[in-house]
Amino acid sequence: MSKQLDRISREIERVWDTDRGAIPWDETTLRRLNDGLSDLIAETDSQLEEWQLEVDARQELQQRILCALPEAERMKRLWWNEQHAFYADLVERMDRHFNYDESASVTFSMTTLEVLFLVRLLIEEGVIQTETLRPVFRYLSRYGHTERHSKLSYDSLKKRYSLRHEGSRKKVKQILMNLIRRIDQGLPRG
């Protein structure tokens, strides 16, 4: 979506910046802009309808189950955990739909395990402050890439975060030593 909006915005600026002596806003240009916006609105409308159907179905399910919710604490906890998972997933998908920007990616010249080890150090030392790891994994899975993997999986990051890997520890230590050496040498201005 962000990519489509950027394309439309660039087209508007391109047309506006054309020779002022000419009339840039001809029928073809206007049709192209309007069609692009209409397609984007239709895509968004379709997605909103799909989410509304999910929420409607969820509300109906909740009404039926709340009337007969078992007394057992374990069952109640399972039910509330399932509700939490539904809402967290829906909000995540909505956020990804509206805010995802394919062009905002970064590539790490490290392996995934090395990135995770470095992130773990930064969190444990308080450099990165977060109540949960979810936003860290979400950011890395959306925008982070390695030279070997063009896409980092949220679930894979979550599973691999706690792994201890001697090779990753050594590589990250070497990177940090190189950074310290650069700091000691003084960073170039500019």
N, C-alpha and C. Protein backbone atom coordinates (compact mmCIF):
# COMPACT_ATOMS: atom_id res chain seq x y z
N MET A 1 0.83 -1.18 0.00
CA MET A 1 0.00 0.00 0.00
C MET A 1 0.87 1.25 0.00
N SER A 2 1.87 1.26 0.85
CA SER A 2 2.77 2.40 0.94
C SER A 2 3.46 2.64 -0.40
N LYS A 3 3.83 1.54 -1.05
CA LYS A 3 4.50 1.63 -2.34
C LYS A 3 3.57 2.27 -3.39
N GLN A 4 2.29 1.86 -3.36
CA GLN A 4 1.33 2.42 -4.30
C GLN A 4 1.11 3.91 -4.05
N LEU A 5 0.99 4.30 -2.79
CA LEU A 5 0.83 5.72 -2.46
C LEU A 5 2.05 6.52 -2.89
N ASP A 6 3.23 5.97 -2.67
CA ASP A 6 4.45 6.65 -3.10
C ASP A 6 4.46 6.85 -4.61
N ARG A 7 4.05 5.82 -5.35
CA ARG A 7 4.03 5.92 -6.81
C ARG A 7 3.06 7.01 -7.27
N ILE A 8 1.89 7.06 -6.66
CA ILE A 8 0.90 8.08 -7.02
C ILE A 8 1.42 9.47 -6.67
N SER A 9 2.02 9.59 -5.50
CA SER A 9 2.57 10.88 -5.08
C SER A 9 3.67 11.35 -6.02
N ARG A 10 4.56 10.44 -6.43
CA ARG A 10 5.62 10.80 -7.38
C ARG A 10 5.02 11.24 -8.71
N GLU A 11 3.96 10.57 -9.15
CA GLU A 11 3.32 10.93 -10.40
C GLU A 11 2.72 12.34 -10.31
N ILE A 12 2.09 12.66 -9.20
CA ILE A 12 1.52 14.00 -9.01
C ILE A 12 2.63 15.05 -9.09
N GLU A 13 3.74 14.81 -8.40
CA GLU A 13 4.86 15.76 -8.42
C GLU A 13 5.49 15.86 -9.80
N ARG A 14 5.60 14.71 -10.49
CA ARG A 14 6.17 14.72 -11.83
C ARG A 14 5.34 15.58 -12.77
N VAL A 15 4.03 15.40 -12.69
CA VAL A 15 3.13 16.18 -13.55
C VAL A 15 3.22 17.66 -13.18
N TRP A 16 3.24 17.95 -11.91
CA TRP A 16 3.28 19.34 -11.45
C TRP A 16 4.56 20.04 -11.88
N ASP A 17 5.66 19.28 -11.91
CA ASP A 17 6.96 19.86 -12.24
C ASP A 17 7.22 19.96 -13.74
N THR A 18 6.28 19.53 -14.57
CA THR A 18 6.49 19.64 -16.01
C THR A 18 6.49 21.10 -16.42
N ASP A 19 6.86 21.35 -17.64
CA ASP A 19 6.95 22.70 -18.19
C ASP A 19 5.67 23.48 -17.89
N ARG A 20 5.82 24.59 -17.22
CA ARG A 20 4.66 25.42 -16.84
C ARG A 20 3.93 26.00 -18.05
N GLY A 21 4.61 26.04 -19.20
CA GLY A 21 3.96 26.56 -20.40
C GLY A 21 2.92 25.59 -20.94
N ALA A 22 3.12 24.31 -20.65
CA ALA A 22 2.18 23.30 -21.11
C ALA A 22 1.11 23.08 -20.04
N ILE A 23 0.02 22.52 -20.44
CA ILE A 23 -1.03 22.18 -19.48
C ILE A 23 -0.83 20.71 -19.13
N PRO A 24 -0.26 20.42 -17.92
CA PRO A 24 0.08 19.04 -17.59
C PRO A 24 -1.11 18.18 -17.18
N TRP A 25 -2.19 18.82 -16.79
CA TRP A 25 -3.31 18.05 -16.24
C TRP A 25 -4.31 17.71 -17.35
N ASP A 26 -3.90 16.84 -18.26
CA ASP A 26 -4.80 16.43 -19.32
C ASP A 26 -5.67 15.26 -18.84
N GLU A 27 -6.61 14.87 -19.66
CA GLU A 27 -7.57 13.82 -19.30
C GLU A 27 -6.88 12.49 -18.98
N THR A 28 -5.87 12.14 -19.77
CA THR A 28 -5.16 10.88 -19.55
C THR A 28 -4.45 10.86 -18.20
N THR A 29 -3.79 11.95 -17.86
CA THR A 29 -3.08 12.05 -16.59
C THR A 29 -4.04 11.95 -15.42
N LEU A 30 -5.14 12.70 -15.53
CA LEU A 30 -6.13 12.67 -14.45
C LEU A 30 -6.75 11.29 -14.30
N ARG A 31 -7.02 10.62 -15.40
CA ARG A 31 -7.59 9.28 -15.35
C ARG A 31 -6.61 8.31 -14.68
N ARG A 32 -5.33 8.43 -15.04
CA ARG A 32 -4.31 7.55 -14.45
C ARG A 32 -4.23 7.76 -12.93
N LEU A 33 -4.24 9.00 -12.48
CA LEU A 33 -4.19 9.29 -11.05
C LEU A 33 -5.46 8.79 -10.35
N ASN A 34 -6.61 9.08 -10.93
CA ASN A 34 -7.87 8.66 -10.32
C ASN A 34 -8.00 7.15 -10.29
N ASP A 35 -7.57 6.47 -11.35
CA ASP A 35 -7.63 5.01 -11.37
C ASP A 35 -6.71 4.40 -10.30
N GLY A 36 -5.52 4.97 -10.16
CA GLY A 36 -4.59 4.49 -9.14
C GLY A 36 -5.17 4.64 -7.74
N LEU A 37 -5.76 5.79 -7.48
CA LEU A 37 -6.38 6.02 -6.16
C LEU A 37 -7.60 5.13 -5.96
N SER A 38 -8.40 4.96 -6.98
CA SER A 38 -9.58 4.10 -6.87
C SER A 38 -9.20 2.66 -6.59
N ASP A 39 -8.15 2.17 -7.27
CA ASP A 39 -7.67 0.81 -7.04
C ASP A 39 -7.21 0.64 -5.59
N LEU A 40 -6.49 1.63 -5.10
CA LEU A 40 -5.99 1.58 -3.73
C LEU A 40 -7.13 1.60 -2.72
N ILE A 41 -8.11 2.44 -2.97
CA ILE A 41 -9.28 2.53 -2.08
C ILE A 41 -10.06 1.22 -2.11
N ALA A 42 -10.23 0.63 -3.29
CA ALA A 42 -10.96 -0.63 -3.40
C ALA A 42 -10.22 -1.74 -2.65
N GLU A 43 -8.90 -1.76 -2.77
CA GLU A 43 -8.11 -2.77 -2.06
C GLU A 43 -8.27 -2.60 -0.55
N THR A 44 -8.21 -1.36 -0.10
CA THR A 44 -8.36 -1.07 1.33
C THR A 44 -9.76 -1.41 1.80
N ASP A 45 -10.75 -1.06 1.01
CA ASP A 45 -12.14 -1.35 1.37
C ASP A 45 -12.37 -2.85 1.49
N SER A 46 -11.82 -3.60 0.55
CA SER A 46 -11.95 -5.06 0.59
C SER A 46 -11.30 -5.62 1.85
N GLN A 47 -10.13 -5.12 2.19
CA GLN A 47 -9.43 -5.58 3.39
C GLN A 47 -10.22 -5.22 4.64
N LEU A 48 -10.78 -4.02 4.70
CA LEU A 48 -11.57 -3.60 5.85
C LEU A 48 -12.81 -4.48 6.02
N GLU A 49 -13.43 -4.83 4.91
CA GLU A 49 -14.60 -5.72 4.97
C GLU A 49 -14.22 -7.09 5.51
N GLU A 50 -13.07 -7.60 5.08
CA GLU A 50 -12.60 -8.91 5.56
C GLU A 50 -12.36 -8.87 7.07
N TRP A 51 -11.73 -7.81 7.54
CA TRP A 51 -11.48 -7.68 8.98
C TRP A 51 -12.78 -7.54 9.76
N GLN A 52 -13.74 -6.81 9.19
CA GLN A 52 -15.02 -6.65 9.86
C GLN A 52 -15.74 -7.98 10.00
N LEU A 53 -15.66 -8.82 8.97
CA LEU A 53 -16.25 -10.16 9.04
C LEU A 53 -15.60 -10.97 10.16
N GLU A 54 -14.28 -10.85 10.30
CA GLU A 54 -13.58 -11.55 11.38
C GLU A 54 -14.06 -11.08 12.74
N VAL A 55 -14.19 -9.77 12.91
CA VAL A 55 -14.63 -9.22 14.20
C VAL A 55 -16.08 -9.62 14.47
N ASP A 56 -16.93 -9.57 13.46
CA ASP A 56 -18.33 -9.98 13.64
C ASP A 56 -18.43 -11.44 14.08
N ALA A 57 -17.66 -12.31 13.41
CA ALA A 57 -17.66 -13.74 13.77
C ALA A 57 -17.13 -13.93 15.18
N ARG A 58 -16.11 -13.17 15.54
CA ARG A 58 -15.54 -13.27 16.88
C ARG A 58 -16.56 -12.84 17.94
N GLN A 59 -17.27 -11.75 17.67
CA GLN A 59 -18.29 -11.28 18.62
C GLN A 59 -19.38 -12.32 18.82
N GLU A 60 -19.81 -12.94 17.75
CA GLU A 60 -20.85 -13.97 17.86
C GLU A 60 -20.33 -15.15 18.67
N LEU A 61 -19.12 -15.58 18.40
CA LEU A 61 -18.51 -16.67 19.15
C LEU A 61 -18.41 -16.31 20.63
N GLN A 62 -17.95 -15.09 20.92
CA GLN A 62 -17.81 -14.65 22.30
C GLN A 62 -19.15 -14.65 23.03
N GLN A 63 -20.20 -14.16 22.37
CA GLN A 63 -21.51 -14.14 23.00
C GLN A 63 -21.98 -15.54 23.36
N ARG A 64 -21.75 -16.48 22.46
CA ARG A 64 -22.18 -17.87 22.71
C ARG A 64 -21.38 -18.52 23.83
N ILE A 65 -20.09 -18.30 23.82
CA ILE A 65 -19.24 -18.97 24.82
C ILE A 65 -19.34 -18.31 26.18
N LEU A 66 -19.45 -16.99 26.23
CA LEU A 66 -19.53 -16.31 27.53
C LEU A 66 -20.76 -16.76 28.32
N CYS A 67 -21.82 -17.14 27.63
CA CYS A 67 -23.03 -17.63 28.31
C CYS A 67 -22.78 -18.98 28.98
N ALA A 68 -21.81 -19.72 28.48
CA ALA A 68 -21.57 -21.08 29.00
C ALA A 68 -20.11 -21.28 29.38
N LEU A 69 -19.43 -20.22 29.76
CA LEU A 69 -18.01 -20.33 30.11
C LEU A 69 -17.85 -21.23 31.33
N PRO A 70 -17.04 -22.26 31.22
CA PRO A 70 -16.86 -23.20 32.34
C PRO A 70 -16.28 -22.48 33.57
N GLU A 71 -16.54 -23.06 34.73
CA GLU A 71 -16.04 -22.49 35.98
C GLU A 71 -14.57 -22.78 36.22
N ALA A 72 -14.05 -23.81 35.61
CA ALA A 72 -12.66 -24.19 35.83
C ALA A 72 -11.72 -23.06 35.41
N GLU A 73 -10.83 -22.69 36.32
CA GLU A 73 -9.88 -21.59 36.05
C GLU A 73 -9.01 -21.86 34.84
N ARG A 74 -8.59 -23.10 34.68
CA ARG A 74 -7.74 -23.45 33.54
C ARG A 74 -8.46 -23.20 32.22
N MET A 75 -9.73 -23.57 32.15
CA MET A 75 -10.51 -23.35 30.93
C MET A 75 -10.70 -21.86 30.67
N LYS A 76 -10.97 -21.11 31.73
CA LYS A 76 -11.13 -19.66 31.57
C LYS A 76 -9.83 -19.04 31.06
N ARG A 77 -8.72 -19.46 31.64
CA ARG A 77 -7.42 -18.93 31.22
C ARG A 77 -7.16 -19.25 29.76
N LEU A 78 -7.45 -20.47 29.33
CA LEU A 78 -7.29 -20.85 27.93
C LEU A 78 -8.16 -19.96 27.02
N TRP A 79 -9.39 -19.73 27.46
CA TRP A 79 -10.31 -18.90 26.68
C TRP A 79 -9.76 -17.47 26.54
N TRP A 80 -9.33 -16.89 27.66
CA TRP A 80 -8.84 -15.51 27.61
C TRP A 80 -7.52 -15.43 26.83
N ASN A 81 -6.68 -16.44 26.92
CA ASN A 81 -5.45 -16.46 26.13
C ASN A 81 -5.76 -16.50 24.64
N GLU A 82 -6.80 -17.25 24.29
CA GLU A 82 -7.19 -17.33 22.89
C GLU A 82 -7.73 -15.98 22.41
N GLN A 83 -8.46 -15.28 23.26
CA GLN A 83 -8.97 -13.96 22.88
C GLN A 83 -7.80 -13.00 22.67
N HIS A 84 -6.85 -13.05 23.59
CA HIS A 84 -5.67 -12.19 23.48
C HIS A 84 -4.94 -12.46 22.16
N ALA A 85 -4.75 -13.73 21.84
CA ALA A 85 -4.04 -14.10 20.62
C ALA A 85 -4.79 -13.59 19.38
N PHE A 86 -6.12 -13.69 19.39
CA PHE A 86 -6.90 -13.21 18.25
C PHE A 86 -6.70 -11.72 18.05
N TYR A 87 -6.87 -10.94 19.12
CA TYR A 87 -6.77 -9.49 19.00
C TYR A 87 -5.35 -9.05 18.66
N ALA A 88 -4.35 -9.67 19.28
CA ALA A 88 -2.96 -9.31 18.98
C ALA A 88 -2.65 -9.59 17.51
N ASP A 89 -3.11 -10.73 17.00
CA ASP A 89 -2.87 -11.09 15.61
C ASP A 89 -3.58 -10.12 14.66
N LEU A 90 -4.83 -9.79 14.96
CA LEU A 90 -5.58 -8.88 14.10
C LEU A 90 -4.92 -7.50 14.05
N VAL A 91 -4.56 -6.98 15.21
CA VAL A 91 -3.91 -5.66 15.24
C VAL A 91 -2.59 -5.71 14.50
N GLU A 92 -1.84 -6.78 14.65
CA GLU A 92 -0.56 -6.94 13.95
C GLU A 92 -0.78 -6.92 12.43
N ARG A 93 -1.78 -7.66 11.97
CA ARG A 93 -2.06 -7.70 10.53
C ARG A 93 -2.52 -6.34 10.02
N MET A 94 -3.34 -5.64 10.81
CA MET A 94 -3.79 -4.31 10.40
C MET A 94 -2.61 -3.34 10.34
N ASP A 95 -1.78 -3.40 11.35
CA ASP A 95 -0.61 -2.53 11.37
C ASP A 95 0.29 -2.80 10.18
N ARG A 96 0.51 -4.08 9.90
CA ARG A 96 1.36 -4.46 8.76
C ARG A 96 0.75 -3.96 7.45
N HIS A 97 -0.57 -4.07 7.33
CA HIS A 97 -1.24 -3.64 6.09
C HIS A 97 -1.10 -2.14 5.87
N PHE A 98 -1.32 -1.36 6.92
CA PHE A 98 -1.32 0.09 6.76
C PHE A 98 0.06 0.73 6.82
N ASN A 99 0.99 0.11 7.51
CA ASN A 99 2.28 0.75 7.73
C ASN A 99 3.47 0.07 7.07
N TYR A 100 3.25 -1.04 6.41
CA TYR A 100 4.38 -1.76 5.83
C TYR A 100 4.96 -0.98 4.66
N ASP A 101 6.25 -0.88 4.65
CA ASP A 101 6.95 -0.18 3.57
C ASP A 101 8.09 -1.07 3.11
N GLU A 102 7.93 -1.69 1.95
CA GLU A 102 8.93 -2.62 1.44
C GLU A 102 10.30 -1.99 1.28
N SER A 103 10.33 -0.70 0.98
CA SER A 103 11.60 -0.05 0.69
C SER A 103 12.37 0.33 1.96
N ALA A 104 11.78 0.13 3.12
CA ALA A 104 12.43 0.54 4.37
C ALA A 104 13.22 -0.59 5.01
N SER A 105 13.81 -1.44 4.21
CA SER A 105 14.51 -2.59 4.77
C SER A 105 15.99 -2.28 4.99
N VAL A 106 16.59 -3.04 5.90
CA VAL A 106 18.02 -2.95 6.14
C VAL A 106 18.61 -4.36 6.01
N THR A 107 19.82 -4.42 5.48
CA THR A 107 20.49 -5.71 5.33
C THR A 107 21.67 -5.77 6.30
N PHE A 108 21.70 -6.81 7.10
CA PHE A 108 22.78 -7.04 8.04
C PHE A 108 23.83 -7.91 7.37
N SER A 109 25.09 -7.53 7.47
CA SER A 109 26.14 -8.39 6.92
C SER A 109 26.61 -9.34 8.02
N MET A 110 25.63 -9.98 8.63
CA MET A 110 25.82 -10.96 9.69
C MET A 110 24.82 -12.08 9.46
N THR A 111 25.02 -13.19 10.13
CA THR A 111 24.02 -14.25 10.06
C THR A 111 22.86 -13.88 11.00
N THR A 112 21.77 -14.58 10.86
CA THR A 112 20.62 -14.34 11.72
C THR A 112 20.97 -14.58 13.18
N LEU A 113 21.72 -15.65 13.46
CA LEU A 113 22.12 -15.94 14.84
C LEU A 113 23.01 -14.83 15.41
N GLU A 114 23.86 -14.28 14.58
CA GLU A 114 24.72 -13.17 15.03
C GLU A 114 23.88 -11.93 15.33
N VAL A 115 22.93 -11.63 14.47
CA VAL A 115 22.04 -10.49 14.71
C VAL A 115 21.30 -10.69 16.03
N LEU A 116 20.76 -11.88 16.23
CA LEU A 116 20.01 -12.16 17.46
C LEU A 116 20.90 -12.09 18.70
N PHE A 117 22.13 -12.56 18.59
CA PHE A 117 23.05 -12.48 19.72
C PHE A 117 23.35 -11.02 20.06
N LEU A 118 23.58 -10.19 19.04
CA LEU A 118 23.83 -8.77 19.26
C LEU A 118 22.61 -8.09 19.87
N VAL A 119 21.45 -8.39 19.36
CA VAL A 119 20.21 -7.83 19.90
C VAL A 119 20.05 -8.24 21.36
N ARG A 120 20.32 -9.49 21.65
CA ARG A 120 20.22 -9.98 23.03
C ARG A 120 21.16 -9.19 23.95
N LEU A 121 22.39 -8.96 23.51
CA LEU A 121 23.33 -8.17 24.30
C LEU A 121 22.79 -6.75 24.55
N LEU A 122 22.27 -6.15 23.49
CA LEU A 122 21.75 -4.78 23.59
C LEU A 122 20.57 -4.71 24.56
N ILE A 123 19.73 -5.71 24.56
CA ILE A 123 18.58 -5.75 25.47
C ILE A 123 19.06 -5.98 26.90
N GLU A 124 19.94 -6.96 27.08
CA GLU A 124 20.42 -7.28 28.43
C GLU A 124 21.22 -6.15 29.05
N GLU A 125 21.87 -5.33 28.23
CA GLU A 125 22.63 -4.18 28.73
C GLU A 125 21.78 -2.92 28.83
N GLY A 126 20.50 -3.01 28.46
CA GLY A 126 19.60 -1.87 28.60
C GLY A 126 19.72 -0.84 27.49
N VAL A 127 20.47 -1.15 26.44
CA VAL A 127 20.59 -0.23 25.31
C VAL A 127 19.26 -0.19 24.55
N ILE A 128 18.67 -1.36 24.35
CA ILE A 128 17.32 -1.46 23.80
C ILE A 128 16.41 -1.78 24.98
N GLN A 129 15.41 -0.95 25.16
CA GLN A 129 14.48 -1.17 26.27
C GLN A 129 13.11 -1.54 25.71
N THR A 130 12.65 -2.69 26.12
CA THR A 130 11.36 -3.19 25.66
C THR A 130 10.77 -4.11 26.72
N GLU A 131 9.47 -4.06 26.87
CA GLU A 131 8.82 -4.92 27.85
C GLU A 131 8.74 -6.36 27.37
N THR A 132 8.58 -6.52 26.06
CA THR A 132 8.54 -7.86 25.48
C THR A 132 9.44 -7.88 24.24
N LEU A 133 9.71 -9.06 23.77
CA LEU A 133 10.54 -9.19 22.57
C LEU A 133 9.72 -9.05 21.29
N ARG A 134 8.42 -9.06 21.41
CA ARG A 134 7.54 -9.01 20.24
C ARG A 134 7.88 -7.85 19.29
N PRO A 135 8.02 -6.60 19.76
CA PRO A 135 8.33 -5.53 18.81
C PRO A 135 9.70 -5.68 18.14
N VAL A 136 10.64 -6.27 18.85
CA VAL A 136 11.96 -6.49 18.27
C VAL A 136 11.86 -7.50 17.13
N PHE A 137 11.20 -8.63 17.40
CA PHE A 137 11.04 -9.65 16.36
C PHE A 137 10.20 -9.13 15.20
N ARG A 138 9.17 -8.34 15.52
CA ARG A 138 8.31 -7.79 14.47
C ARG A 138 9.13 -6.86 13.56
N TYR A 139 9.94 -5.99 14.18
CA TYR A 139 10.76 -5.07 13.38
C TYR A 139 11.73 -5.86 12.50
N LEU A 140 12.45 -6.81 13.10
CA LEU A 140 13.43 -7.57 12.34
C LEU A 140 12.78 -8.37 11.22
N SER A 141 11.60 -8.95 11.49
CA SER A 141 10.95 -9.75 10.44
C SER A 141 10.38 -8.88 9.33
N ARG A 142 10.01 -7.66 9.64
CA ARG A 142 9.48 -6.76 8.60
C ARG A 142 10.58 -6.12 7.78
N TYR A 143 11.59 -5.61 8.46
CA TYR A 143 12.56 -4.74 7.79
C TYR A 143 13.97 -5.29 7.74
N GLY A 144 14.27 -6.33 8.51
CA GLY A 144 15.63 -6.85 8.54
C GLY A 144 15.85 -7.98 7.55
N HIS A 145 17.01 -7.96 6.95
CA HIS A 145 17.42 -9.02 6.02
C HIS A 145 18.88 -9.34 6.33
N THR A 146 19.30 -10.51 5.96
CA THR A 146 20.73 -10.82 6.00
C THR A 146 21.16 -11.04 4.56
N GLU A 147 22.44 -11.14 4.37
CA GLU A 147 22.92 -11.38 3.00
C GLU A 147 22.45 -12.72 2.46
N ARG A 148 22.18 -13.68 3.37
CA ARG A 148 21.71 -15.00 2.94
C ARG A 148 20.20 -15.11 2.89
N HIS A 149 19.49 -14.35 3.72
CA HIS A 149 18.04 -14.47 3.81
C HIS A 149 17.38 -13.13 3.50
N SER A 150 16.57 -13.11 2.47
CA SER A 150 15.88 -11.87 2.11
C SER A 150 14.70 -11.59 3.04
N LYS A 151 14.28 -12.58 3.79
CA LYS A 151 13.17 -12.42 4.72
C LYS A 151 13.49 -13.18 5.99
N LEU A 152 13.35 -12.49 7.13
CA LEU A 152 13.55 -13.15 8.42
C LEU A 152 12.17 -13.45 8.99
N SER A 153 11.94 -14.68 9.34
CA SER A 153 10.65 -15.12 9.84
C SER A 153 10.49 -14.77 11.32
N TYR A 154 9.35 -14.20 11.66
CA TYR A 154 9.05 -13.85 13.06
C TYR A 154 9.17 -15.08 13.95
N ASP A 155 8.54 -16.17 13.55
CA ASP A 155 8.57 -17.39 14.36
C ASP A 155 9.98 -17.96 14.47
N SER A 156 10.73 -17.91 13.38
CA SER A 156 12.10 -18.42 13.41
C SER A 156 12.96 -17.57 14.34
N LEU A 157 12.79 -16.26 14.29
CA LEU A 157 13.55 -15.37 15.18
C LEU A 157 13.22 -15.69 16.64
N LYS A 158 11.94 -15.88 16.90
CA LYS A 158 11.48 -16.18 18.25
C LYS A 158 12.10 -17.48 18.77
N LYS A 159 12.13 -18.50 17.91
CA LYS A 159 12.67 -19.81 18.30
C LYS A 159 14.19 -19.76 18.48
N ARG A 160 14.87 -18.99 17.64
CA ARG A 160 16.32 -18.99 17.63
C ARG A 160 16.94 -17.99 18.60
N TYR A 161 16.13 -17.11 19.16
CA TYR A 161 16.64 -16.04 20.03
C TYR A 161 17.44 -16.59 21.21
N SER A 162 16.98 -17.63 21.82
CA SER A 162 17.63 -18.16 23.03
C SER A 162 18.76 -19.14 22.74
N LEU A 163 18.97 -19.48 21.49
CA LEU A 163 20.04 -20.43 21.15
C LEU A 163 21.41 -19.83 21.46
N ARG A 164 22.27 -20.65 22.00
CA ARG A 164 23.66 -20.25 22.26
C ARG A 164 24.51 -20.84 21.14
N HIS A 165 25.22 -20.01 20.45
CA HIS A 165 26.03 -20.47 19.33
C HIS A 165 27.41 -19.83 19.46
N GLU A 166 28.42 -20.66 19.68
CA GLU A 166 29.78 -20.16 19.92
C GLU A 166 30.30 -19.34 18.75
N GLY A 167 30.02 -19.78 17.53
CA GLY A 167 30.48 -19.04 16.36
C GLY A 167 29.90 -17.63 16.32
N SER A 168 28.62 -17.50 16.67
CA SER A 168 27.97 -16.18 16.68
C SER A 168 28.60 -15.30 17.76
N ARG A 169 28.86 -15.88 18.91
CA ARG A 169 29.46 -15.12 20.01
C ARG A 169 30.82 -14.56 19.59
N LYS A 170 31.63 -15.40 18.96
CA LYS A 170 32.96 -14.97 18.51
C LYS A 170 32.88 -13.87 17.46
N LYS A 171 31.98 -14.04 16.50
CA LYS A 171 31.85 -13.06 15.42
C LYS A 171 31.37 -11.71 15.97
N VAL A 172 30.37 -11.72 16.85
CA VAL A 172 29.86 -10.48 17.42
C VAL A 172 30.93 -9.82 18.28
N LYS A 173 31.69 -10.62 19.01
CA LYS A 173 32.78 -10.07 19.82
C LYS A 173 33.79 -9.36 18.92
N GLN A 174 34.11 -9.98 17.79
CA GLN A 174 35.07 -9.36 16.86
C GLN A 174 34.51 -8.05 16.29
N ILE A 175 33.24 -8.04 15.95
CA ILE A 175 32.61 -6.82 15.44
C ILE A 175 32.67 -5.72 16.49
N LEU A 176 32.36 -6.07 17.74
CA LEU A 176 32.40 -5.07 18.81
C LEU A 176 33.82 -4.57 19.05
N MET A 177 34.80 -5.44 18.97
CA MET A 177 36.20 -5.04 19.12
C MET A 177 36.59 -4.07 17.99
N ASN A 178 36.16 -4.37 16.78
CA ASN A 178 36.44 -3.48 15.64
C ASN A 178 35.79 -2.11 15.86
N LEU A 179 34.58 -2.10 16.39
CA LEU A 179 33.90 -0.83 16.67
C LEU A 179 34.65 -0.03 17.74
N ILE A 180 35.10 -0.71 18.77
CA ILE A 180 35.86 -0.03 19.83
C ILE A 180 37.15 0.56 19.25
N ARG A 181 37.82 -0.20 18.40
CA ARG A 181 39.03 0.29 17.76
C ARG A 181 38.74 1.55 16.94
N ARG A 182 37.63 1.55 16.23
CA ARG A 182 37.25 2.74 15.43
C ARG A 182 36.95 3.92 16.32
N ILE A 183 36.29 3.69 17.45
CA ILE A 183 36.01 4.77 18.39
C ILE A 183 37.32 5.33 18.91
N ASP A 184 38.24 4.46 19.29
CA ASP A 184 39.54 4.89 19.81
C ASP A 184 40.32 5.70 18.78
N GLN A 185 40.19 5.35 17.51
CA GLN A 185 40.89 6.06 16.45
C GLN A 185 40.22 7.38 16.13
N GLY A 186 39.00 7.54 16.57
CA GLY A 186 38.25 8.76 16.27
C GLY A 186 37.51 8.61 14.96
N LEU A 187 36.22 8.82 15.02
CA LEU A 187 35.40 8.69 13.82
C LEU A 187 35.64 9.89 12.90
N PRO A 188 35.65 9.67 11.60
CA PRO A 188 35.80 10.80 10.68
C PRO A 188 34.60 11.73 10.80
N ARG A 189 34.84 13.00 10.70
CA ARG A 189 33.74 13.99 10.79
C ARG A 189 32.97 14.00 9.48
N GLY A 190 31.68 14.29 9.61
CA GLY A 190 30.90 14.45 8.40
C GLY A 190 29.80 13.56 8.26
